[in-house]
């Protein structure tokens, strides 16, 4: 295929189809008629010698060839948008924009208040929205712009060349118990963790639970633990019983107000890496880069 056979308009249409998986929605996004988008898709099929999309009900499913093209297409379209965007000074204080951040409930609890306060001081009109990351789609969600950042505890899987990953911090974990718990008076609390029931917080079924694996490694029977649906439910259960809960240090600081105290580090100490991910197509977006810098700065400056 030669470059003269493929004009910029066809690349823009292909990008919209990859994002919306629908001729109708892609046409709405581009301000064109569905017939114009269908005609462009026919040209793309001829140029690439591939169907590119096959219909599954009301949705278009990309072929393997289309999926392989997606990273380059998104970067090209983003670059064209940056090239044609009017040159205006970047002013965080006056900019209005909303960023979608995918992260775990634990990360949201520790990050939400502090980062929002940090942003309010320098960019009051920049807002954040949150959702839970999905293993099956977070790469595509980053590519399509459905999420702008992914904050992920543990090793990031399914990495590709168009997904950028940077290490934010390592979270240390401690064991929490209700005030007055027997372990609060024990001299060797870390050695007695297996004598008490534990509460584990339900995580994504596709993601290994670092706390479960760590406790099992200490010889604690995690199969006898109580499962909580959320970190908040787990903290309240520990407050009202003899259950122990292993939580990140940042959560532990917030939990002290609930009447919970740290009785031991999860000895030997459990640490989990925390990473920030975004799509390379945003690297020319000054506001996106600035927001990523704010997330990194918050993690660098938070109390140890």
Protein backbone atom coordinates (compact mmCIF):
# COMPACT_ATOMS: atom_id res chain seq x y z
CA UNK A 1 0.00 0.00 0.00
CA UNK A 2 1.33 3.43 -0.98
CA UNK A 3 0.73 6.62 0.99
CA UNK A 4 -1.03 8.31 -1.98
CA UNK A 5 -3.81 5.71 -1.76
CA UNK A 6 -4.80 6.71 1.78
CA UNK A 7 -5.88 10.27 2.57
CA UNK A 8 -6.24 11.78 6.03
CA UNK A 9 -10.04 11.64 5.97
CA UNK A 10 -9.99 7.85 5.70
CA UNK A 11 -7.63 7.61 8.68
CA UNK A 12 -10.00 9.82 10.71
CA UNK A 13 -12.96 7.59 9.79
CA UNK A 14 -11.03 4.45 10.71
CA UNK A 15 -10.14 5.99 14.09
CA UNK A 16 -13.80 6.82 14.79
CA UNK A 17 -14.92 3.31 13.83
CA UNK A 18 -12.29 1.79 16.12
CA UNK A 19 -13.57 3.94 18.99
CA UNK A 20 -17.33 3.63 18.46
CA UNK A 21 -17.68 0.20 16.77
CA UNK A 22 -20.70 1.62 14.91
CA UNK A 23 -21.15 3.38 11.58
CA UNK A 24 -23.97 5.50 13.01
CA UNK A 25 -22.09 6.61 16.11
CA UNK A 26 -18.90 7.23 14.12
CA UNK A 27 -20.91 9.41 11.71
CA UNK A 28 -22.32 11.40 14.64
CA UNK A 29 -18.84 11.85 16.09
CA UNK A 30 -17.49 13.14 12.76
CA UNK A 31 -20.54 15.18 11.75
CA UNK A 32 -21.00 13.13 8.58
CA UNK A 33 -23.76 10.98 7.17
CA UNK A 34 -23.78 7.21 7.82
CA UNK A 35 -23.61 6.61 4.06
CA UNK A 36 -20.41 8.68 3.82
CA UNK A 37 -18.83 6.66 6.63
CA UNK A 38 -19.94 3.39 4.99
CA UNK A 39 -18.41 4.52 1.69
CA UNK A 40 -15.15 5.39 3.48
CA UNK A 41 -15.15 1.96 5.14
CA UNK A 42 -15.50 0.33 1.73
CA UNK A 43 -12.47 2.27 0.49
CA UNK A 44 -10.50 1.28 3.59
CA UNK A 45 -11.35 -2.38 3.06
CA UNK A 46 -10.11 -2.20 -0.52
CA UNK A 47 -6.89 -0.38 0.43
CA UNK A 48 -5.98 -2.75 3.28
CA UNK A 49 -7.28 -5.90 1.60
CA UNK A 50 -9.18 -6.83 4.77
CA UNK A 51 -12.75 -6.63 6.04
CA UNK A 52 -11.47 -4.55 9.03
CA UNK A 53 -14.87 -4.87 10.77
CA UNK A 54 -17.47 -7.65 10.86
CA UNK A 55 -20.98 -7.18 12.15
CA UNK A 56 -22.12 -8.81 15.41
CA UNK A 57 -25.69 -7.68 16.04
CA UNK A 58 -25.71 -3.88 16.25
CA UNK A 59 -21.95 -3.71 16.84
CA UNK A 60 -18.97 -3.78 14.52
CA UNK A 61 -16.18 -6.06 15.74
CA UNK A 62 -12.67 -5.21 14.49
CA UNK A 63 -10.70 -7.93 12.76
CA UNK A 64 -7.19 -8.87 13.84
CA UNK A 65 -5.85 -6.57 11.11
CA UNK A 66 -7.90 -3.62 12.40
CA UNK A 67 -6.78 -4.24 15.99
CA UNK A 68 -3.15 -4.25 14.86
CA UNK A 69 -3.69 -0.90 13.11
CA UNK A 70 -5.42 0.75 16.08
CA UNK A 71 -2.36 2.01 18.03
CA UNK A 72 -0.79 3.70 15.00
CA UNK A 73 -4.13 5.12 13.83
CA UNK A 74 -4.89 6.70 17.23
CA UNK A 75 -1.42 8.26 17.39
CA UNK A 76 -1.70 9.64 13.82
CA UNK A 77 -5.12 11.22 14.43
CA UNK A 78 -4.01 12.67 17.75
CA UNK A 79 -0.95 14.15 16.04
CA UNK A 80 -3.11 15.72 13.31
CA UNK A 81 -5.42 17.22 15.92
CA UNK A 82 -2.46 18.71 17.77
CA UNK A 83 -1.04 20.10 14.52
CA UNK A 84 -4.30 21.85 13.59
CA UNK A 85 -5.29 22.99 17.08
CA UNK A 86 -5.03 26.80 17.49
CA UNK A 87 -1.94 27.75 19.46
CA UNK A 88 -3.09 29.12 22.81
CA UNK A 89 -1.11 29.46 26.03
CA UNK A 90 -1.73 26.64 28.50
CA UNK A 91 -3.28 28.08 31.66
CA UNK A 92 -4.31 25.44 34.24
CA UNK A 93 -6.03 28.09 36.37
CA UNK A 94 -8.64 28.83 33.68
CA UNK A 95 -8.87 25.53 31.81
CA UNK A 96 -12.11 23.52 32.04
CA UNK A 97 -11.64 19.79 31.51
CA UNK A 98 -12.68 16.46 33.00
CA UNK A 99 -10.34 13.47 33.32
CA UNK A 100 -11.57 9.90 33.70
CA UNK A 101 -9.28 7.90 35.98
CA UNK A 102 -9.59 4.14 36.37
CA UNK A 103 -8.36 2.79 39.69
CA UNK A 104 -9.27 0.44 42.51
CA UNK A 105 -11.56 1.45 45.35
CA UNK A 106 -8.58 1.50 47.72
CA UNK A 107 -6.67 3.86 45.44
CA UNK A 108 -9.71 6.10 45.06
CA UNK A 109 -10.11 6.37 48.84
CA UNK A 110 -6.46 7.35 49.33
CA UNK A 111 -6.15 9.61 46.30
CA UNK A 112 -9.49 11.39 45.96
CA UNK A 113 -9.36 13.97 48.72
CA UNK A 114 -5.68 14.84 48.58
CA UNK A 115 -5.39 15.15 44.81
CA UNK A 116 -8.68 17.06 44.51
CA UNK A 117 -7.45 19.55 47.10
CA UNK A 118 -4.14 19.88 45.25
CA UNK A 119 -5.95 20.56 41.96
CA UNK A 120 -8.38 23.05 43.55
CA UNK A 121 -5.46 25.30 44.47
CA UNK A 122 -4.06 25.57 40.93
CA UNK A 123 -6.78 24.41 38.50
CA UNK A 124 -10.25 24.71 40.09
CA UNK A 125 -12.10 23.94 36.84
CA UNK A 126 -10.33 20.65 36.16
CA UNK A 127 -12.43 17.76 37.43
CA UNK A 128 -11.80 14.05 37.99
CA UNK A 129 -14.14 11.11 37.50
CA UNK A 130 -13.48 7.56 38.67
CA UNK A 131 -14.25 4.02 37.53
CA UNK A 132 -12.98 0.54 38.29
CA UNK A 133 -10.43 -0.82 35.77
CA UNK A 134 -11.49 -3.75 33.59
CA UNK A 135 -8.78 -6.25 32.65
CA UNK A 136 -10.44 -7.14 29.34
CA UNK A 137 -10.74 -3.57 28.11
CA UNK A 138 -8.42 -1.14 29.88
CA UNK A 139 -5.94 -1.05 26.97
CA UNK A 140 -8.75 -0.28 24.52
CA UNK A 141 -10.29 2.18 27.00
CA UNK A 142 -6.97 4.06 27.14
CA UNK A 143 -6.66 4.00 23.36
CA UNK A 144 -10.18 5.27 22.77
CA UNK A 145 -10.02 7.97 25.42
CA UNK A 146 -12.80 6.43 27.51
CA UNK A 147 -10.29 6.63 30.35
CA UNK A 148 -7.37 9.05 30.45
CA UNK A 149 -5.28 7.42 33.17
CA UNK A 150 -5.09 4.00 34.78
CA UNK A 151 -3.65 3.72 38.29
CA UNK A 152 -2.84 0.09 38.88
CA UNK A 153 -1.54 -1.82 41.89
CA UNK A 154 0.74 -4.68 40.91
CA UNK A 155 2.39 -5.59 37.63
CA UNK A 156 0.59 -4.21 34.57
CA UNK A 157 -0.35 -7.00 32.16
CA UNK A 158 -1.18 -6.78 28.48
CA UNK A 159 1.23 -3.90 27.87
CA UNK A 160 1.72 -2.75 24.29
CA UNK A 161 4.05 -0.26 22.65
CA UNK A 162 1.44 2.50 22.66
CA UNK A 163 0.70 2.28 26.41
CA UNK A 164 3.05 4.30 28.65
CA UNK A 165 3.71 3.05 32.18
CA UNK A 166 5.54 4.85 34.98
CA UNK A 167 6.11 3.73 38.55
CA UNK A 168 4.38 5.95 41.14
CA UNK A 169 5.29 4.36 44.47
CA UNK A 170 5.40 1.17 46.51
CA UNK A 171 2.55 0.84 48.98
CA UNK A 172 3.43 -0.68 52.35
CA UNK A 173 0.75 -2.67 54.19
CA UNK A 174 -0.04 -2.95 57.91
CA UNK A 175 -2.38 -5.11 60.00
CA UNK A 176 -5.33 -3.30 61.56
CA UNK A 177 -7.45 -4.37 64.52
CA UNK A 178 -10.06 -2.72 66.70
CA UNK A 179 -8.84 -0.66 69.62
CA UNK A 180 -8.51 -2.96 72.65
CA UNK A 181 -7.93 -6.08 70.55
CA UNK A 182 -5.77 -8.72 72.23
CA UNK A 183 -3.02 -8.18 69.65
CA UNK A 184 -2.66 -4.52 70.64
CA UNK A 185 -1.11 -5.78 73.91
CA UNK A 186 0.94 -8.62 72.41
CA UNK A 187 4.71 -8.28 72.27
CA UNK A 188 5.00 -10.48 69.17
CA UNK A 189 1.89 -9.40 67.29
CA UNK A 190 3.35 -10.28 63.88
CA UNK A 191 3.95 -13.86 65.00
CA UNK A 192 0.36 -14.29 66.22
CA UNK A 193 -1.52 -13.14 63.12
CA UNK A 194 -2.66 -16.68 62.32
CA UNK A 195 -4.45 -17.03 65.65
CA UNK A 196 -7.21 -14.63 64.64
CA UNK A 197 -9.71 -14.52 61.75
CA UNK A 198 -8.95 -12.21 58.85
CA UNK A 199 -11.23 -10.22 56.59
CA UNK A 200 -10.26 -10.01 52.92
CA UNK A 201 -11.66 -7.46 50.51
CA UNK A 202 -13.11 -8.87 47.32
CA UNK A 203 -11.09 -7.75 44.31
CA UNK A 204 -11.43 -8.16 40.57
CA UNK A 205 -11.65 -11.89 39.73
CA UNK A 206 -8.96 -11.52 37.06
CA UNK A 207 -6.45 -9.85 39.35
CA UNK A 208 -4.30 -11.76 41.86
CA UNK A 209 -4.94 -10.53 45.40
CA UNK A 210 -1.54 -9.57 46.88
CA UNK A 211 -2.89 -9.66 50.45
CA UNK A 212 -4.35 -13.16 50.08
CA UNK A 213 -1.10 -14.43 48.53
CA UNK A 214 0.99 -12.79 51.24
CA UNK A 215 -1.04 -14.18 54.14
CA UNK A 216 -1.01 -17.63 52.57
CA UNK A 217 2.78 -17.32 52.34
CA UNK A 218 2.87 -16.67 56.09
CA UNK A 219 1.03 -19.95 56.67
CA UNK A 220 -2.34 -18.32 57.47
CA UNK A 221 -5.40 -20.25 56.31
CA UNK A 222 -6.98 -17.64 54.02
CA UNK A 223 -9.75 -20.06 53.03
CA UNK A 224 -11.24 -19.53 56.49
CA UNK A 225 -11.24 -15.75 56.13
CA UNK A 226 -14.34 -13.60 55.83
CA UNK A 227 -14.92 -11.91 52.46
CA UNK A 228 -16.00 -8.25 52.43
CA UNK A 229 -17.42 -6.56 49.34
CA UNK A 230 -15.46 -3.33 49.81
CA UNK A 231 -12.61 -1.86 51.82
CA UNK A 232 -15.08 0.20 53.87
CA UNK A 233 -17.15 -2.88 54.76
CA UNK A 234 -13.96 -4.71 55.72
CA UNK A 235 -12.84 -1.89 58.02
CA UNK A 236 -16.18 -1.78 59.80
CA UNK A 237 -16.20 -5.56 60.23
CA UNK A 238 -12.75 -5.40 61.81
CA UNK A 239 -13.91 -2.60 64.11
CA UNK A 240 -16.87 -4.62 65.37
CA UNK A 241 -15.12 -7.99 65.83
CA UNK A 242 -11.78 -9.70 66.46
CA UNK A 243 -11.12 -9.90 62.72
CA UNK A 244 -7.87 -8.48 61.39
CA UNK A 245 -7.55 -6.64 58.09
CA UNK A 246 -4.36 -6.01 56.12
CA UNK A 247 -4.53 -2.61 54.43
CA UNK A 248 -2.25 -0.08 52.73
CA UNK A 249 -0.60 2.44 55.04
CA UNK A 250 -2.66 5.30 53.54
CA UNK A 251 -5.89 3.44 54.32
CA UNK A 252 -4.60 2.73 57.83
CA UNK A 253 -4.17 6.45 58.46
CA UNK A 254 -7.81 7.06 57.51
CA UNK A 255 -8.95 4.03 59.53
CA UNK A 256 -7.63 5.44 62.81
CA UNK A 257 -10.68 7.68 62.88
CA UNK A 258 -12.88 4.56 62.77
CA UNK A 259 -11.39 3.19 65.96
CA UNK A 260 -8.87 0.87 64.32
CA UNK A 261 -5.18 0.72 65.17
CA UNK A 262 -2.14 -0.80 63.49
CA UNK A 263 -0.95 -3.84 65.43
CA UNK A 264 1.80 -5.07 63.11
CA UNK A 265 3.26 -4.76 59.71
CA UNK A 266 2.32 -7.69 57.52
CA UNK A 267 5.66 -9.22 58.44
CA UNK A 268 7.71 -9.81 56.46
CA UNK A 269 6.58 -6.47 55.10
CA UNK A 270 4.21 -6.54 52.16
CA UNK A 271 4.78 -3.87 49.51
CA UNK A 272 2.85 -3.54 46.27
CA UNK A 273 4.04 -1.41 43.30
CA UNK A 274 1.63 1.27 42.06
CA UNK A 275 1.86 2.31 38.40
CA UNK A 276 0.37 5.09 36.26
CA UNK A 277 -0.62 4.23 32.68
CA UNK A 278 -1.79 6.37 29.76
CA UNK A 279 -1.93 6.20 25.98
CA UNK A 280 0.97 7.57 23.97
CA UNK A 281 -1.38 9.60 21.77
CA UNK A 282 -1.76 12.07 24.66
CA UNK A 283 1.94 12.88 24.78
CA UNK A 284 1.35 16.03 22.69
CA UNK A 285 -1.57 17.11 24.88
CA UNK A 286 -0.14 19.67 27.28
CA UNK A 287 -3.08 19.49 29.69
CA UNK A 288 -2.96 15.69 29.81
CA UNK A 289 0.77 15.80 30.49
CA UNK A 290 0.19 18.37 33.24
CA UNK A 291 -2.50 16.20 34.86
CA UNK A 292 -0.21 13.18 34.81
CA UNK A 293 2.42 15.32 36.49
CA UNK A 294 -0.05 16.29 39.21
CA UNK A 295 -0.80 12.62 39.94
CA UNK A 296 2.93 11.86 40.13
CA UNK A 297 3.55 14.90 42.33
CA UNK A 298 0.83 13.85 44.78
CA UNK A 299 2.42 10.43 45.18
CA UNK A 300 5.87 11.94 45.62
CA UNK A 301 4.77 14.43 48.29
CA UNK A 302 2.33 12.35 50.30
CA UNK A 303 3.49 11.48 53.83
CA UNK A 304 5.55 8.29 54.16
